[in-house]
Amino acid sequence: MESQSRVFAAIVPAGRELSGNEKDQGLEVRAVSRQSPGKCLREVQVTGTAEVRCQADRASVRVSVGNSKESVSEATHSVSRRLGYILQALRQHDIREEDTSVRRFLHRDADMYRMDAEVIVTFSDFEKMERICSILLEKLDKSVFVGTPEFYHSAECLSQMRLRACVSAVENAQLKASKVSQLLGQSLGPPLLVREDETKEWRNNEDNGGGGQGSAAPSHFPSLPAVTASSQVSVSFSLRDTSRKMR
């Protein structure tokens, strides 16, 4: 998780408006009238930013088997045996039925009948995925095709990432306001306003070009994609004058 913060402070007397430059500095301390005309409420306005990076939490793998025989029954029986072994291996590793989909296709190829079957498996445990793929390749050898995993982010993962970015930005804003209020001899009161001003989201190496890592050696391992979310918030806190309480 990465966060950025810049602090600019200005004590503004009641009745004076901020200039355009002052409003853009990210922090504002001012006295304003709220509800009661005889009372002035001092408040500090700050911004907070945060970035959260999340790697893919799902992978989809395609496993397929096929065979050609002179009769439909022979082709079906040959493929069904290997398909049954694939599904049994998945069950033995506690892969849920809703995380698998099976398709079968029988067609004629010249004088032969060909049966093809395909299993698409969704994994959330990548180590388990590697074990299962190794077992299938070892036991079924050339009669099975195990595709390269396709990694992606689930909707829950992306939602949690955006939430964490926003919450972290608010925490950074609160920390900034707390430090500034102590510096000015004030105590931080409750928040008056919290607003998310801007959100951004990008995939690795798409917006920032890989960060100058140089030319890496080619790898046979599939890349694990990542998504980064950023959030910028504006928060207003009331201020309490601690010097008055000490008198």
C-alpha atoms as a PDB file:
ATOM      1  CA  MET A   1       0.000   0.000   0.000  1.00  0.00           C
ATOM      2  CA  GLU A   2       1.377   3.444  -0.953  1.00  0.00           C
ATOM      3  CA  SER A   3       0.115   6.808   0.216  1.00  0.00           C
ATOM      4  CA  GLN A   4       1.075  10.396  -0.485  1.00  0.00           C
ATOM      5  CA  SER A   5       0.410  13.507   1.551  1.00  0.00           C
ATOM      6  CA  ARG A   6       1.403  17.148   1.377  1.00  0.00           C
ATOM      7  CA  VAL A   7       0.582  19.601   4.169  1.00  0.00           C
ATOM      8  CA  PHE A   8       0.000  23.325   3.675  1.00  0.00           C
ATOM      9  CA  ALA A   9      -1.573  25.294   6.528  1.00  0.00           C
ATOM     10  CA  ALA A  10      -3.086  28.756   6.740  1.00  0.00           C
ATOM     11  CA  ILE A  11      -4.994  30.292   9.643  1.00  0.00           C
ATOM     12  CA  VAL A  12      -7.701  32.402   8.080  1.00  0.00           C
ATOM     13  CA  PRO A  13      -9.545  34.976  10.236  1.00  0.00           C
ATOM     14  CA  ALA A  14     -13.293  34.963  10.212  1.00  0.00           C
ATOM     15  CA  GLY A  15     -14.775  36.948   7.404  1.00  0.00           C
ATOM     16  CA  ARG A  16     -11.823  36.693   4.961  1.00  0.00           C
ATOM     17  CA  GLU A  17     -12.313  34.604   1.847  1.00  0.00           C
ATOM     18  CA  LEU A  18      -9.569  32.286   0.615  1.00  0.00           C
ATOM     19  CA  SER A  19      -7.854  33.099  -2.652  1.00  0.00           C
ATOM     20  CA  GLY A  20      -7.829  30.553  -5.451  1.00  0.00           C
ATOM     21  CA  ASN A  21      -4.227  29.543  -4.722  1.00  0.00           C
ATOM     22  CA  GLU A  22      -4.948  28.982  -1.033  1.00  0.00           C
ATOM     23  CA  LYS A  23      -7.861  26.692  -1.803  1.00  0.00           C
ATOM     24  CA  ASP A  24      -5.639  24.416  -3.872  1.00  0.00           C
ATOM     25  CA  GLN A  25      -3.072  23.763  -1.143  1.00  0.00           C
ATOM     26  CA  GLY A  26      -4.794  20.711   0.324  1.00  0.00           C
ATOM     27  CA  LEU A  27      -5.265  22.025   3.882  1.00  0.00           C
ATOM     28  CA  GLU A  28      -7.334  24.909   5.167  1.00  0.00           C
ATOM     29  CA  VAL A  29      -7.988  26.111   8.729  1.00  0.00           C
ATOM     30  CA  ARG A  30     -10.691  28.715   9.063  1.00  0.00           C
ATOM     31  CA  ALA A  31     -13.342  30.195  11.320  1.00  0.00           C
ATOM     32  CA  VAL A  32     -16.900  29.990  10.045  1.00  0.00           C
ATOM     33  CA  SER A  33     -20.333  30.663  11.454  1.00  0.00           C
ATOM     34  CA  ARG A  34     -22.700  27.719  11.707  1.00  0.00           C
ATOM     35  CA  GLN A  35     -26.290  27.967  12.911  1.00  0.00           C
ATOM     36  CA  SER A  36     -25.599  30.199  15.929  1.00  0.00           C
ATOM     37  CA  PRO A  37     -24.652  33.691  14.757  1.00  0.00           C
ATOM     38  CA  GLY A  38     -22.853  34.416  18.043  1.00  0.00           C
ATOM     39  CA  LYS A  39     -20.557  31.387  17.882  1.00  0.00           C
ATOM     40  CA  CYS A  40     -17.690  30.733  15.510  1.00  0.00           C
ATOM     41  CA  LEU A  41     -16.771  27.161  14.682  1.00  0.00           C
ATOM     42  CA  ARG A  42     -13.161  26.594  13.702  1.00  0.00           C
ATOM     43  CA  GLU A  43     -12.496  23.769  11.301  1.00  0.00           C
ATOM     44  CA  VAL A  44      -9.621  22.196   9.397  1.00  0.00           C
ATOM     45  CA  GLN A  45     -10.070  20.941   5.863  1.00  0.00           C
ATOM     46  CA  VAL A  46      -7.581  18.384   4.567  1.00  0.00           C
ATOM     47  CA  THR A  47      -7.149  15.996   1.659  1.00  0.00           C
ATOM     48  CA  GLY A  48      -5.888  12.435   1.849  1.00  0.00           C
ATOM     49  CA  THR A  49      -4.728  10.024  -0.842  1.00  0.00           C
ATOM     50  CA  ALA A  50      -3.956   6.309  -0.882  1.00  0.00           C
ATOM     51  CA  GLU A  51      -3.149   3.536  -3.351  1.00  0.00           C
ATOM     52  CA  VAL A  52      -3.920  -0.162  -2.956  1.00  0.00           C
ATOM     53  CA  ARG A  53      -2.514  -2.866  -5.240  1.00  0.00           C
ATOM     54  CA  CYS A  54      -4.265  -6.211  -5.639  1.00  0.00           C
ATOM     55  CA  GLN A  55      -3.048  -9.282  -7.501  1.00  0.00           C
ATOM     56  CA  ALA A  56      -5.395 -11.603  -9.363  1.00  0.00           C
ATOM     57  CA  ASP A  57      -7.245 -13.970  -7.038  1.00  0.00           C
ATOM     58  CA  ARG A  58      -8.777 -16.340  -9.607  1.00  0.00           C
ATOM     59  CA  ALA A  59      -7.483 -18.558 -12.405  1.00  0.00           C
ATOM     60  CA  SER A  60      -9.294 -20.475 -15.110  1.00  0.00           C
ATOM     61  CA  VAL A  61      -7.753 -23.645 -16.599  1.00  0.00           C
ATOM     62  CA  ARG A  62      -9.031 -25.585 -19.605  1.00  0.00           C
ATOM     63  CA  VAL A  63      -8.498 -29.365 -19.568  1.00  0.00           C
ATOM     64  CA  SER A  64      -9.490 -31.312 -22.679  1.00  0.00           C
ATOM     65  CA  VAL A  65      -9.403 -34.918 -23.908  1.00  0.00           C
ATOM     66  CA  GLY A  66     -10.407 -36.456 -27.202  1.00  0.00           C
ATOM     67  CA  ASN A  67     -10.200 -39.620 -29.270  1.00  0.00           C
ATOM     68  CA  SER A  68     -11.267 -41.022 -32.616  1.00  0.00           C
ATOM     69  CA  LYS A  69     -12.731 -44.531 -33.029  1.00  0.00           C
ATOM     70  CA  GLU A  70     -14.558 -46.533 -35.657  1.00  0.00           C
ATOM     71  CA  SER A  71     -17.808 -46.548 -33.673  1.00  0.00           C
ATOM     72  CA  VAL A  72     -19.648 -44.029 -31.540  1.00  0.00           C
ATOM     73  CA  SER A  73     -19.657 -46.282 -28.484  1.00  0.00           C
ATOM     74  CA  GLU A  74     -15.901 -46.835 -28.629  1.00  0.00           C
ATOM     75  CA  ALA A  75     -15.157 -43.122 -28.988  1.00  0.00           C
ATOM     76  CA  THR A  76     -17.586 -42.221 -26.199  1.00  0.00           C
ATOM     77  CA  HIS A  77     -16.282 -44.903 -23.850  1.00  0.00           C
ATOM     78  CA  SER A  78     -12.624 -43.964 -24.416  1.00  0.00           C
ATOM     79  CA  VAL A  79     -13.154 -40.283 -23.672  1.00  0.00           C
ATOM     80  CA  SER A  80     -15.616 -40.881 -20.811  1.00  0.00           C
ATOM     81  CA  ARG A  81     -13.041 -42.934 -18.890  1.00  0.00           C
ATOM     82  CA  ARG A  82     -10.463 -40.151 -18.991  1.00  0.00           C
ATOM     83  CA  LEU A  83     -13.084 -37.495 -18.320  1.00  0.00           C
ATOM     84  CA  GLY A  84     -14.208 -39.461 -15.258  1.00  0.00           C
ATOM     85  CA  TYR A  85     -10.631 -39.542 -13.983  1.00  0.00           C
ATOM     86  CA  ILE A  86     -10.310 -35.768 -14.409  1.00  0.00           C
ATOM     87  CA  LEU A  87     -13.530 -35.090 -12.476  1.00  0.00           C
ATOM     88  CA  GLN A  88     -12.531 -37.572  -9.763  1.00  0.00           C
ATOM     89  CA  ALA A  89      -9.175 -35.824  -9.317  1.00  0.00           C
ATOM     90  CA  LEU A  90     -10.983 -32.499  -8.933  1.00  0.00           C
ATOM     91  CA  ARG A  91     -13.363 -33.914  -6.309  1.00  0.00           C
ATOM     92  CA  GLN A  92     -10.473 -35.445  -4.370  1.00  0.00           C
ATOM     93  CA  HIS A  93      -8.906 -31.987  -4.116  1.00  0.00           C
ATOM     94  CA  ASP A  94     -12.176 -30.431  -2.896  1.00  0.00           C
ATOM     95  CA  ILE A  95     -12.942 -28.491  -6.069  1.00  0.00           C
ATOM     96  CA  ARG A  96     -16.588 -27.493  -5.888  1.00  0.00           C
ATOM     97  CA  GLU A  97     -18.974 -28.572  -8.608  1.00  0.00           C
ATOM     98  CA  GLU A  98     -20.009 -24.958  -9.252  1.00  0.00           C
ATOM     99  CA  ASP A  99     -16.359 -24.159 -10.077  1.00  0.00           C
ATOM    100  CA  THR A 100     -16.291 -26.628 -12.970  1.00  0.00           C
ATOM    101  CA  SER A 101     -18.067 -26.772 -16.307  1.00  0.00           C
ATOM    102  CA  VAL A 102     -18.040 -29.740 -18.697  1.00  0.00           C
ATOM    103  CA  ARG A 103     -18.732 -29.812 -22.431  1.00  0.00           C
ATOM    104  CA  ARG A 104     -18.828 -32.833 -24.766  1.00  0.00           C
ATOM    105  CA  PHE A 105     -18.853 -32.865 -28.550  1.00  0.00           C
ATOM    106  CA  LEU A 106     -19.246 -35.884 -30.841  1.00  0.00           C
ATOM    107  CA  HIS A 107     -18.705 -35.513 -34.572  1.00  0.00           C
ATOM    108  CA  ARG A 108     -17.704 -37.568 -37.617  1.00  0.00           C
ATOM    109  CA  ASP A 109     -14.226 -37.195 -39.081  1.00  0.00           C
ATOM    110  CA  ALA A 110     -14.008 -39.019 -42.444  1.00  0.00           C
ATOM    111  CA  ASP A 111     -14.653 -42.714 -41.592  1.00  0.00           C
ATOM    112  CA  MET A 112     -14.061 -42.209 -37.872  1.00  0.00           C
ATOM    113  CA  TYR A 113     -16.145 -40.892 -35.015  1.00  0.00           C
ATOM    114  CA  ARG A 114     -14.434 -38.327 -32.780  1.00  0.00           C
ATOM    115  CA  MET A 115     -15.429 -37.477 -29.243  1.00  0.00           C
ATOM    116  CA  ASP A 116     -14.030 -34.363 -27.523  1.00  0.00           C
ATOM    117  CA  ALA A 117     -14.619 -33.293 -23.947  1.00  0.00           C
ATOM    118  CA  GLU A 118     -13.553 -30.123 -22.196  1.00  0.00           C
ATOM    119  CA  VAL A 119     -13.485 -29.198 -18.503  1.00  0.00           C
ATOM    120  CA  ILE A 120     -13.033 -25.576 -17.448  1.00  0.00           C
ATOM    121  CA  VAL A 121     -12.001 -25.220 -13.803  1.00  0.00           C
ATOM    122  CA  THR A 122     -11.918 -22.042 -11.724  1.00  0.00           C
ATOM    123  CA  PHE A 123      -9.301 -21.960  -8.975  1.00  0.00           C
ATOM    124  CA  SER A 124      -8.810 -19.600  -6.038  1.00  0.00           C
ATOM    125  CA  ASP A 125      -5.935 -21.652  -4.591  1.00  0.00           C
ATOM    126  CA  PHE A 126      -3.067 -21.453  -7.083  1.00  0.00           C
ATOM    127  CA  GLU A 127      -0.916 -24.069  -5.330  1.00  0.00           C
ATOM    128  CA  LYS A 128      -3.776 -26.546  -5.537  1.00  0.00           C
ATOM    129  CA  MET A 129      -4.157 -25.675  -9.217  1.00  0.00           C
ATOM    130  CA  GLU A 130      -0.500 -26.543  -9.850  1.00  0.00           C
ATOM    131  CA  ARG A 131      -0.826 -29.878  -8.037  1.00  0.00           C
ATOM    132  CA  ILE A 132      -3.915 -30.921  -9.974  1.00  0.00           C
ATOM    133  CA  CYS A 133      -2.416 -29.963 -13.338  1.00  0.00           C
ATOM    134  CA  SER A 134       0.733 -31.944 -12.544  1.00  0.00           C
ATOM    135  CA  ILE A 135      -1.296 -35.016 -11.546  1.00  0.00           C
ATOM    136  CA  LEU A 136      -3.375 -34.937 -14.735  1.00  0.00           C
ATOM    137  CA  LEU A 137      -0.316 -34.527 -16.957  1.00  0.00           C
ATOM    138  CA  GLU A 138       1.485 -37.346 -15.150  1.00  0.00           C
ATOM    139  CA  LYS A 139      -1.386 -39.866 -15.164  1.00  0.00           C
ATOM    140  CA  LEU A 140      -2.981 -39.115 -18.532  1.00  0.00           C
ATOM    141  CA  ASP A 141       0.213 -38.126 -20.333  1.00  0.00           C
ATOM    142  CA  LYS A 142      -0.326 -37.205 -24.012  1.00  0.00           C
ATOM    143  CA  SER A 143      -4.017 -38.083 -23.986  1.00  0.00           C
ATOM    144  CA  VAL A 144      -4.864 -34.891 -22.053  1.00  0.00           C
ATOM    145  CA  PHE A 145      -4.314 -31.232 -22.860  1.00  0.00           C
ATOM    146  CA  VAL A 146      -3.927 -28.823 -19.921  1.00  0.00           C
ATOM    147  CA  GLY A 147      -4.088 -25.203 -20.994  1.00  0.00           C
ATOM    148  CA  THR A 148      -2.158 -22.252 -19.586  1.00  0.00           C
ATOM    149  CA  PRO A 149      -3.942 -20.661 -16.586  1.00  0.00           C
ATOM    150  CA  GLU A 150      -5.785 -17.425 -17.280  1.00  0.00           C
ATOM    151  CA  PHE A 151      -5.616 -15.199 -14.197  1.00  0.00           C
ATOM    152  CA  TYR A 152      -8.219 -12.570 -13.392  1.00  0.00           C
ATOM    153  CA  HIS A 153      -9.750 -10.564 -10.539  1.00  0.00           C
ATOM    154  CA  SER A 154     -13.059 -11.528  -8.985  1.00  0.00           C
ATOM    155  CA  ALA A 155     -15.702  -8.870  -8.408  1.00  0.00           C
ATOM    156  CA  GLU A 156     -15.278  -9.288  -4.635  1.00  0.00           C
ATOM    157  CA  CYS A 157     -11.523  -8.681  -4.893  1.00  0.00           C
ATOM    158  CA  LEU A 158     -11.973  -5.464  -6.883  1.00  0.00           C
ATOM    159  CA  SER A 159     -14.705  -4.215  -4.550  1.00  0.00           C
ATOM    160  CA  GLN A 160     -12.540  -4.796  -1.457  1.00  0.00           C
ATOM    161  CA  MET A 161      -9.570  -3.100  -3.123  1.00  0.00           C
ATOM    162  CA  ARG A 162     -11.592   0.060  -3.876  1.00  0.00           C
ATOM    163  CA  LEU A 163     -12.975   0.091  -0.330  1.00  0.00           C
ATOM    164  CA  ARG A 164      -9.505  -0.259   1.213  1.00  0.00           C
ATOM    165  CA  ALA A 165      -8.178   2.593  -0.930  1.00  0.00           C
ATOM    166  CA  CYS A 166     -10.964   4.928   0.189  1.00  0.00           C
ATOM    167  CA  VAL A 167     -10.675   3.981   3.877  1.00  0.00           C
ATOM    168  CA  SER A 168      -6.886   4.385   3.801  1.00  0.00           C
ATOM    169  CA  ALA A 169      -7.226   7.813   2.199  1.00  0.00           C
ATOM    170  CA  VAL A 170      -9.600   8.902   4.986  1.00  0.00           C
ATOM    171  CA  GLU A 171      -7.177   7.534   7.616  1.00  0.00           C
ATOM    172  CA  ASN A 172      -4.335   9.512   6.023  1.00  0.00           C
ATOM    173  CA  ALA A 173      -6.459  12.659   6.018  1.00  0.00           C
ATOM    174  CA  GLN A 174      -7.342  12.169   9.699  1.00  0.00           C
ATOM    175  CA  LEU A 175      -3.675  11.673  10.614  1.00  0.00           C
ATOM    176  CA  LYS A 176      -2.718  14.815   8.716  1.00  0.00           C
ATOM    177  CA  ALA A 177      -5.456  16.860  10.428  1.00  0.00           C
ATOM    178  CA  SER A 178      -4.475  15.508  13.846  1.00  0.00           C
ATOM    179  CA  LYS A 179      -0.812  16.494  13.401  1.00  0.00           C
ATOM    180  CA  VAL A 180      -1.724  19.963  12.163  1.00  0.00           C
ATOM    181  CA  SER A 181      -4.206  20.587  14.985  1.00  0.00           C
ATOM    182  CA  GLN A 182      -1.539  19.676  17.560  1.00  0.00           C
ATOM    183  CA  LEU A 183       0.913  22.038  15.872  1.00  0.00           C
ATOM    184  CA  LEU A 184      -1.616  24.861  16.093  1.00  0.00           C
ATOM    185  CA  GLY A 185      -2.475  24.193  19.738  1.00  0.00           C
ATOM    186  CA  GLN A 186      -5.910  22.801  18.939  1.00  0.00           C
ATOM    187  CA  SER A 187      -7.575  19.456  19.555  1.00  0.00           C
ATOM    188  CA  LEU A 188      -9.266  17.641  16.716  1.00  0.00           C
ATOM    189  CA  GLY A 189     -13.025  17.351  16.935  1.00  0.00           C
ATOM    190  CA  PRO A 190     -15.459  15.110  15.042  1.00  0.00           C
ATOM    191  CA  PRO A 191     -15.595  15.100  11.233  1.00  0.00           C
ATOM    192  CA  LEU A 192     -18.011  17.522   9.601  1.00  0.00           C
ATOM    193  CA  LEU A 193     -17.754  16.333   6.013  1.00  0.00           C
ATOM    194  CA  VAL A 194     -16.147  13.398   4.186  1.00  0.00           C
ATOM    195  CA  ARG A 195     -16.133  13.425   0.401  1.00  0.00           C
ATOM    196  CA  GLU A 196     -14.367  11.186  -2.105  1.00  0.00           C
ATOM    197  CA  ASP A 197     -13.127  13.538  -4.827  1.00  0.00           C
ATOM    198  CA  GLU A 198     -11.364  11.223  -7.248  1.00  0.00           C
ATOM    199  CA  THR A 199     -10.812   7.533  -7.911  1.00  0.00           C
ATOM    200  CA  LYS A 200      -8.488   5.914 -10.428  1.00  0.00           C
ATOM    201  CA  GLU A 201      -7.843   2.329 -11.409  1.00  0.00           C
ATOM    202  CA  TRP A 202      -5.221   0.818 -13.684  1.00  0.00           C
ATOM    203  CA  ARG A 203      -3.634  -2.518 -14.531  1.00  0.00           C
ATOM    204  CA  ASN A 204       0.073  -3.139 -14.123  1.00  0.00           C
ATOM    205  CA  ASN A 205       2.312  -1.953 -16.956  1.00  0.00           C
ATOM    206  CA  GLU A 206      -0.604  -0.325 -18.770  1.00  0.00           C
ATOM    207  CA  ASP A 207      -0.369   3.237 -17.495  1.00  0.00           C
ATOM    208  CA  ASN A 208       3.137   3.448 -16.030  1.00  0.00           C
ATOM    209  CA  GLY A 209       5.160   1.326 -18.463  1.00  0.00           C
ATOM    210  CA  GLY A 210       6.547  -1.171 -15.952  1.00  0.00           C
ATOM    211  CA  GLY A 211       8.543   1.342 -13.885  1.00  0.00           C
ATOM    212  CA  GLY A 212      11.819   1.022 -15.804  1.00  0.00           C
ATOM    213  CA  GLN A 213      12.704  -2.478 -14.727  1.00  0.00           C
ATOM    214  CA  GLY A 214      14.735  -3.071 -17.882  1.00  0.00           C
ATOM    215  CA  SER A 215      14.514  -5.988 -20.265  1.00  0.00           C
ATOM    216  CA  ALA A 216      13.637  -9.087 -18.298  1.00  0.00           C
ATOM    217  CA  ALA A 217      14.501 -12.578 -19.497  1.00  0.00           C
ATOM    218  CA  PRO A 218      11.571 -14.423 -21.109  1.00  0.00           C
ATOM    219  CA  SER A 219       9.680 -16.635 -18.690  1.00  0.00           C
ATOM    220  CA  HIS A 220       7.604 -19.751 -19.283  1.00  0.00           C
ATOM    221  CA  PHE A 221       5.473 -18.915 -16.249  1.00  0.00           C
ATOM    222  CA  PRO A 222       2.203 -17.066 -16.902  1.00  0.00           C
ATOM    223  CA  SER A 223       2.226 -13.525 -15.530  1.00  0.00           C
ATOM    224  CA  LEU A 224       0.070 -12.772 -12.512  1.00  0.00           C
ATOM    225  CA  PRO A 225      -1.786  -9.537 -13.315  1.00  0.00           C
ATOM    226  CA  ALA A 226      -2.337  -6.831 -10.723  1.00  0.00           C
ATOM    227  CA  VAL A 227      -4.687  -3.868 -10.454  1.00  0.00           C
ATOM    228  CA  THR A 228      -4.018  -0.668  -8.530  1.00  0.00           C
ATOM    229  CA  ALA A 229      -6.759   1.607  -7.205  1.00  0.00           C
ATOM    230  CA  SER A 230      -6.206   5.134  -5.901  1.00  0.00           C
ATOM    231  CA  SER A 231      -8.552   7.356  -3.940  1.00  0.00           C
ATOM    232  CA  GLN A 232      -8.439  11.042  -2.990  1.00  0.00           C
ATOM    233  CA  VAL A 233     -10.770  12.368  -0.313  1.00  0.00           C
ATOM    234  CA  SER A 234     -11.541  15.727   1.286  1.00  0.00           C
ATOM    235  CA  VAL A 235     -12.376  15.751   4.981  1.00  0.00           C
ATOM    236  CA  SER A 236     -13.398  18.613   7.277  1.00  0.00           C
ATOM    237  CA  PHE A 237     -12.894  18.344  11.053  1.00  0.00           C
ATOM    238  CA  SER A 238     -14.011  20.734  13.778  1.00  0.00           C
ATOM    239  CA  LEU A 239     -11.294  22.189  16.000  1.00  0.00           C
ATOM    240  CA  ARG A 240     -11.352  22.740  19.759  1.00  0.00           C
ATOM    241  CA  ASP A 241      -9.089  25.380  21.292  1.00  0.00           C
ATOM    242  CA  THR A 242      -7.168  23.563  24.048  1.00  0.00           C
ATOM    243  CA  SER A 243      -5.635  26.766  25.398  1.00  0.00           C
ATOM    244  CA  ARG A 244      -9.059  28.005  26.547  1.00  0.00           C
ATOM    245  CA  LYS A 245      -9.683  24.810  28.491  1.00  0.00           C
ATOM    246  CA  MET A 246      -6.370  25.186  30.366  1.00  0.00           C
ATOM    247  CA  ARG A 247      -7.240  28.665  31.716  1.00  0.00           C
END
